[in-house]
Amino acid sequence: MHYGNFLYPHLCNHGSWVFQTDREEIINLMQERHWNTKSPWSQCLRGTSFGYTRDFYCARDAKESVTRILSKLPLQAFDFIELGDGKGWEIKIACSPHNAAKLCAYTGDNQEQQSTKAA
């Protein structure tokens, strides 16, 4: 089951924000940041999806930071879609074709692999 990728504030648009994901490659990158004592990111959720939190002055700063993080990964494309309440975004991510089976099987995004299982 795929839970998705989200960036949202704890309470208001300044202060603590949460970057929540269930994608293995993002979790691995964020775990490195969490373990780095010089990083402002800390882990706040663990289970079927993982969450990482840090403080930002405004929503734009939070979005720019996560954009920089995602640009370090072999993703084909990602898009921020504003949540219905206007407080945060769902982050839609497309997999790189050469890593599709490896990267997307974890989240269930690999449609080819799913159709093979159904057959």
N, C-alpha and C. Protein backbone atom coordinates (compact mmCIF):
# COMPACT_ATOMS: atom_id res chain seq x y z
N MET A 1 0.84 -1.18 0.00
CA MET A 1 0.00 0.00 0.00
C MET A 1 0.89 1.25 0.00
N HIS A 2 0.50 2.23 -0.78
CA HIS A 2 1.24 3.47 -0.90
C HIS A 2 0.52 4.55 -0.11
N TYR A 3 1.20 5.15 0.85
CA TYR A 3 0.58 6.19 1.68
C TYR A 3 0.82 7.58 1.14
N GLY A 4 1.88 7.79 0.40
CA GLY A 4 2.12 9.08 -0.21
C GLY A 4 3.24 9.87 0.44
N ASN A 5 3.44 11.05 -0.09
CA ASN A 5 4.49 11.97 0.35
C ASN A 5 3.82 13.30 0.64
N PHE A 6 4.07 13.85 1.80
CA PHE A 6 3.40 15.08 2.21
C PHE A 6 4.36 16.01 2.92
N LEU A 7 4.10 17.29 2.80
CA LEU A 7 4.80 18.32 3.54
C LEU A 7 3.73 19.21 4.14
N TYR A 8 3.69 19.29 5.47
CA TYR A 8 2.63 20.06 6.13
C TYR A 8 3.15 20.63 7.46
N PRO A 9 2.54 21.74 7.90
CA PRO A 9 2.96 22.34 9.18
C PRO A 9 2.31 21.62 10.35
N HIS A 10 3.00 21.63 11.51
CA HIS A 10 2.39 21.08 12.72
C HIS A 10 1.16 21.88 13.10
N LEU A 11 1.29 23.20 13.19
CA LEU A 11 0.17 24.04 13.60
C LEU A 11 -0.10 25.19 12.64
N CYS A 12 0.91 25.96 12.33
CA CYS A 12 0.73 27.11 11.44
C CYS A 12 1.90 27.16 10.45
N ASN A 13 1.81 28.08 9.50
CA ASN A 13 2.77 28.10 8.40
C ASN A 13 4.19 28.50 8.78
N HIS A 14 4.43 28.88 10.01
CA HIS A 14 5.81 29.11 10.46
C HIS A 14 6.04 28.20 11.66
N GLY A 15 7.27 27.83 11.85
CA GLY A 15 7.60 26.90 12.92
C GLY A 15 7.83 25.50 12.38
N SER A 16 7.38 24.53 13.09
CA SER A 16 7.67 23.13 12.80
C SER A 16 6.84 22.59 11.62
N TRP A 17 7.56 21.99 10.65
CA TRP A 17 6.93 21.36 9.48
C TRP A 17 7.30 19.88 9.46
N VAL A 18 6.45 19.05 8.87
CA VAL A 18 6.67 17.61 8.76
C VAL A 18 6.77 17.23 7.28
N PHE A 19 7.82 16.47 6.96
CA PHE A 19 7.98 15.86 5.64
C PHE A 19 7.73 14.38 5.85
N GLN A 20 6.59 13.89 5.36
CA GLN A 20 6.17 12.50 5.59
C GLN A 20 6.25 11.72 4.28
N THR A 21 6.81 10.51 4.35
CA THR A 21 6.98 9.69 3.15
C THR A 21 7.00 8.21 3.49
N ASP A 22 6.72 7.39 2.49
CA ASP A 22 6.90 5.95 2.64
C ASP A 22 7.82 5.40 1.55
N ARG A 23 8.48 6.29 0.83
CA ARG A 23 9.40 5.86 -0.23
C ARG A 23 10.77 5.55 0.36
N GLU A 24 11.24 4.36 0.08
CA GLU A 24 12.49 3.86 0.67
C GLU A 24 13.68 4.76 0.40
N GLU A 25 13.84 5.26 -0.83
CA GLU A 25 15.00 6.08 -1.15
C GLU A 25 14.98 7.42 -0.42
N ILE A 26 13.79 7.97 -0.20
CA ILE A 26 13.68 9.22 0.55
C ILE A 26 13.93 8.96 2.03
N ILE A 27 13.38 7.88 2.54
CA ILE A 27 13.60 7.52 3.95
C ILE A 27 15.09 7.35 4.22
N ASN A 28 15.79 6.65 3.33
CA ASN A 28 17.23 6.44 3.52
C ASN A 28 17.99 7.77 3.57
N LEU A 29 17.65 8.68 2.67
CA LEU A 29 18.31 9.99 2.65
C LEU A 29 17.98 10.79 3.92
N MET A 30 16.73 10.77 4.32
CA MET A 30 16.31 11.53 5.50
C MET A 30 16.86 10.93 6.79
N GLN A 31 17.03 9.61 6.83
CA GLN A 31 17.63 8.98 8.01
C GLN A 31 19.07 9.48 8.21
N GLU A 32 19.80 9.64 7.10
CA GLU A 32 21.16 10.18 7.20
C GLU A 32 21.13 11.58 7.81
N ARG A 33 20.16 12.38 7.40
CA ARG A 33 20.04 13.73 7.94
C ARG A 33 19.64 13.68 9.41
N HIS A 34 18.75 12.79 9.76
CA HIS A 34 18.31 12.64 11.15
C HIS A 34 19.49 12.25 12.06
N TRP A 35 20.34 11.35 11.59
CA TRP A 35 21.47 10.89 12.40
C TRP A 35 22.60 11.91 12.48
N ASN A 36 22.65 12.84 11.54
CA ASN A 36 23.68 13.87 11.52
C ASN A 36 23.36 14.93 12.58
N THR A 37 24.20 15.05 13.57
CA THR A 37 23.93 15.98 14.67
C THR A 37 23.92 17.45 14.22
N LYS A 38 24.50 17.74 13.06
CA LYS A 38 24.50 19.11 12.55
C LYS A 38 23.28 19.43 11.70
N SER A 39 22.47 18.43 11.39
CA SER A 39 21.29 18.63 10.56
C SER A 39 20.11 19.12 11.41
N PRO A 40 19.31 20.02 10.88
CA PRO A 40 18.12 20.48 11.61
C PRO A 40 16.95 19.50 11.55
N TRP A 41 17.04 18.46 10.72
CA TRP A 41 15.96 17.49 10.57
C TRP A 41 16.01 16.45 11.69
N SER A 42 14.85 16.11 12.23
CA SER A 42 14.76 15.02 13.20
C SER A 42 13.54 14.15 12.86
N GLN A 43 13.63 12.89 13.20
CA GLN A 43 12.56 11.95 12.89
C GLN A 43 11.42 12.12 13.90
N CYS A 44 10.18 12.15 13.39
CA CYS A 44 9.03 12.29 14.27
C CYS A 44 7.97 11.21 14.07
N LEU A 45 8.06 10.43 12.98
CA LEU A 45 7.12 9.34 12.70
C LEU A 45 7.90 8.12 12.23
N ARG A 46 7.40 6.95 12.59
CA ARG A 46 8.05 5.72 12.16
C ARG A 46 7.01 4.62 12.12
N GLY A 47 6.99 3.86 11.05
CA GLY A 47 6.02 2.78 10.89
C GLY A 47 5.78 2.52 9.42
N THR A 48 4.52 2.57 8.99
CA THR A 48 4.21 2.37 7.57
C THR A 48 4.68 3.54 6.73
N SER A 49 4.81 4.70 7.34
CA SER A 49 5.46 5.84 6.70
C SER A 49 6.33 6.52 7.75
N PHE A 50 7.28 7.28 7.28
CA PHE A 50 8.22 7.96 8.17
C PHE A 50 8.02 9.46 8.03
N GLY A 51 8.23 10.18 9.12
CA GLY A 51 8.12 11.63 9.09
C GLY A 51 9.35 12.27 9.70
N TYR A 52 9.72 13.38 9.13
CA TYR A 52 10.89 14.14 9.59
C TYR A 52 10.45 15.59 9.76
N THR A 53 10.91 16.21 10.82
CA THR A 53 10.46 17.56 11.13
C THR A 53 11.63 18.52 11.30
N ARG A 54 11.36 19.78 11.02
CA ARG A 54 12.29 20.86 11.30
C ARG A 54 11.52 22.17 11.23
N ASP A 55 12.12 23.22 11.76
CA ASP A 55 11.48 24.53 11.77
C ASP A 55 11.80 25.31 10.51
N PHE A 56 10.80 26.05 10.03
CA PHE A 56 10.95 26.95 8.90
C PHE A 56 10.26 28.25 9.23
N TYR A 57 10.75 29.33 8.63
CA TYR A 57 10.17 30.65 8.85
C TYR A 57 8.81 30.77 8.14
N CYS A 58 8.70 30.13 6.95
CA CYS A 58 7.45 30.23 6.19
C CYS A 58 7.29 28.99 5.30
N ALA A 59 6.11 28.87 4.70
CA ALA A 59 5.80 27.73 3.83
C ALA A 59 6.75 27.65 2.65
N ARG A 60 7.10 28.81 2.06
CA ARG A 60 8.01 28.82 0.91
C ARG A 60 9.36 28.19 1.27
N ASP A 61 9.88 28.51 2.45
CA ASP A 61 11.17 27.96 2.88
C ASP A 61 11.09 26.44 3.03
N ALA A 62 9.98 25.95 3.58
CA ALA A 62 9.80 24.50 3.74
C ALA A 62 9.77 23.81 2.39
N LYS A 63 9.01 24.36 1.47
CA LYS A 63 8.89 23.77 0.13
C LYS A 63 10.23 23.78 -0.61
N GLU A 64 10.98 24.88 -0.50
CA GLU A 64 12.29 24.97 -1.16
C GLU A 64 13.27 23.96 -0.59
N SER A 65 13.24 23.75 0.72
CA SER A 65 14.14 22.78 1.34
C SER A 65 13.84 21.36 0.85
N VAL A 66 12.58 20.99 0.83
CA VAL A 66 12.21 19.64 0.37
C VAL A 66 12.50 19.50 -1.13
N THR A 67 12.33 20.54 -1.89
CA THR A 67 12.68 20.50 -3.32
C THR A 67 14.16 20.20 -3.49
N ARG A 68 15.01 20.84 -2.70
CA ARG A 68 16.46 20.58 -2.76
C ARG A 68 16.76 19.12 -2.39
N ILE A 69 16.09 18.61 -1.38
CA ILE A 69 16.30 17.21 -0.95
C ILE A 69 15.90 16.26 -2.07
N LEU A 70 14.72 16.46 -2.64
CA LEU A 70 14.24 15.57 -3.70
C LEU A 70 15.10 15.65 -4.95
N SER A 71 15.71 16.79 -5.21
CA SER A 71 16.55 16.93 -6.41
C SER A 71 17.84 16.12 -6.30
N LYS A 72 18.18 15.64 -5.13
CA LYS A 72 19.39 14.82 -4.93
C LYS A 72 19.13 13.35 -5.26
N LEU A 73 17.87 12.98 -5.49
CA LEU A 73 17.50 11.59 -5.74
C LEU A 73 17.28 11.34 -7.23
N PRO A 74 17.39 10.07 -7.66
CA PRO A 74 17.20 9.75 -9.08
C PRO A 74 15.72 9.67 -9.46
N LEU A 75 14.99 10.73 -9.20
CA LEU A 75 13.57 10.78 -9.53
C LEU A 75 13.41 11.45 -10.89
N GLN A 76 12.44 10.98 -11.65
CA GLN A 76 12.21 11.58 -12.96
C GLN A 76 11.56 12.96 -12.80
N ALA A 77 10.56 13.06 -11.95
CA ALA A 77 9.87 14.32 -11.75
C ALA A 77 9.08 14.27 -10.46
N PHE A 78 8.82 15.44 -9.89
CA PHE A 78 7.95 15.53 -8.72
C PHE A 78 7.17 16.82 -8.81
N ASP A 79 6.00 16.80 -8.20
CA ASP A 79 5.11 17.95 -8.28
C ASP A 79 4.44 18.16 -6.93
N PHE A 80 4.39 19.40 -6.47
CA PHE A 80 3.74 19.75 -5.22
C PHE A 80 2.28 20.11 -5.52
N ILE A 81 1.34 19.41 -4.91
CA ILE A 81 -0.07 19.67 -5.10
C ILE A 81 -0.64 20.15 -3.76
N GLU A 82 -1.17 21.36 -3.77
CA GLU A 82 -1.65 21.96 -2.52
C GLU A 82 -2.78 21.12 -1.92
N LEU A 83 -2.71 20.92 -0.61
CA LEU A 83 -3.75 20.18 0.10
C LEU A 83 -5.04 21.00 0.13
N GLY A 84 -6.16 20.33 0.27
CA GLY A 84 -7.46 20.98 0.23
C GLY A 84 -7.64 22.09 1.25
N ASP A 85 -6.99 21.96 2.41
CA ASP A 85 -7.12 22.99 3.43
C ASP A 85 -6.13 24.13 3.24
N GLY A 86 -5.29 24.04 2.20
CA GLY A 86 -4.32 25.08 1.91
C GLY A 86 -3.12 25.09 2.84
N LYS A 87 -2.99 24.07 3.66
CA LYS A 87 -1.88 24.00 4.63
C LYS A 87 -0.96 22.84 4.28
N GLY A 88 -0.12 23.05 3.30
CA GLY A 88 0.84 22.02 2.93
C GLY A 88 0.57 21.46 1.55
N TRP A 89 1.34 20.41 1.22
CA TRP A 89 1.28 19.82 -0.11
C TRP A 89 1.38 18.31 -0.05
N GLU A 90 0.74 17.67 -1.04
CA GLU A 90 1.05 16.28 -1.36
C GLU A 90 2.10 16.36 -2.44
N ILE A 91 3.11 15.50 -2.35
CA ILE A 91 4.19 15.52 -3.33
C ILE A 91 4.06 14.28 -4.20
N LYS A 92 3.66 14.48 -5.44
CA LYS A 92 3.53 13.39 -6.41
C LYS A 92 4.89 13.18 -7.05
N ILE A 93 5.33 11.92 -7.07
CA ILE A 93 6.67 11.61 -7.58
C ILE A 93 6.58 10.55 -8.67
N ALA A 94 7.25 10.82 -9.78
CA ALA A 94 7.38 9.84 -10.86
C ALA A 94 8.74 9.19 -10.74
N CYS A 95 8.79 7.89 -10.98
CA CYS A 95 10.05 7.16 -10.89
C CYS A 95 10.86 7.29 -12.17
N SER A 96 12.17 7.23 -11.99
CA SER A 96 13.08 7.19 -13.11
C SER A 96 12.91 5.85 -13.83
N PRO A 97 12.82 5.83 -15.17
CA PRO A 97 12.60 4.57 -15.89
C PRO A 97 13.65 3.50 -15.61
N HIS A 98 14.93 3.87 -15.46
CA HIS A 98 15.96 2.86 -15.25
C HIS A 98 15.94 2.31 -13.82
N ASN A 99 15.27 2.99 -12.90
CA ASN A 99 15.18 2.51 -11.52
C ASN A 99 13.75 2.14 -11.13
N ALA A 100 12.84 2.09 -12.07
CA ALA A 100 11.42 1.91 -11.75
C ALA A 100 11.15 0.66 -10.91
N ALA A 101 11.65 -0.50 -11.33
CA ALA A 101 11.36 -1.72 -10.59
C ALA A 101 11.98 -1.69 -9.19
N LYS A 102 13.20 -1.22 -9.11
CA LYS A 102 13.91 -1.19 -7.83
C LYS A 102 13.31 -0.17 -6.86
N LEU A 103 13.05 1.05 -7.33
CA LEU A 103 12.61 2.12 -6.45
C LEU A 103 11.12 2.09 -6.15
N CYS A 104 10.30 1.66 -7.09
CA CYS A 104 8.86 1.80 -6.92
C CYS A 104 8.18 0.56 -6.38
N ALA A 105 8.84 -0.57 -6.37
CA ALA A 105 8.22 -1.77 -5.83
C ALA A 105 7.91 -1.61 -4.35
N TYR A 106 8.75 -0.86 -3.64
CA TYR A 106 8.56 -0.62 -2.21
C TYR A 106 7.25 0.09 -1.92
N THR A 107 6.86 1.03 -2.77
CA THR A 107 5.67 1.83 -2.52
C THR A 107 4.46 1.36 -3.31
N GLY A 108 4.65 0.38 -4.20
CA GLY A 108 3.54 -0.09 -5.00
C GLY A 108 3.27 0.76 -6.22
N ASP A 109 4.21 1.63 -6.60
CA ASP A 109 4.02 2.49 -7.75
C ASP A 109 4.33 1.80 -9.07
N ASN A 110 5.00 0.68 -9.04
CA ASN A 110 5.41 0.01 -10.26
C ASN A 110 4.24 -0.79 -10.81
N GLN A 111 3.53 -0.24 -11.78
CA GLN A 111 2.33 -0.86 -12.33
C GLN A 111 2.66 -2.16 -13.05
N GLU A 112 3.81 -2.23 -13.72
CA GLU A 112 4.19 -3.44 -14.43
C GLU A 112 4.35 -4.61 -13.47
N GLN A 113 4.99 -4.37 -12.34
CA GLN A 113 5.20 -5.41 -11.34
C GLN A 113 3.86 -5.84 -10.76
N GLN A 114 2.93 -4.92 -10.53
CA GLN A 114 1.63 -5.26 -9.98
C GLN A 114 0.83 -6.12 -10.94
N SER A 115 0.86 -5.80 -12.24
CA SER A 115 0.09 -6.58 -13.20
C SER A 115 0.67 -7.98 -13.35
N THR A 116 1.98 -8.15 -13.17
CA THR A 116 2.60 -9.48 -13.21
C THR A 116 2.11 -10.33 -12.04
N LYS A 117 1.99 -9.73 -10.87
CA LYS A 117 1.51 -10.45 -9.69
C LYS A 117 0.07 -10.89 -9.87
N ALA A 118 -0.74 -10.07 -10.55
CA ALA A 118 -2.15 -10.38 -10.72
C ALA A 118 -2.38 -11.52 -11.70
N ALA A 119 -1.43 -11.75 -12.61
CA ALA A 119 -1.59 -12.75 -13.66
C ALA A 119 -1.44 -14.16 -13.17
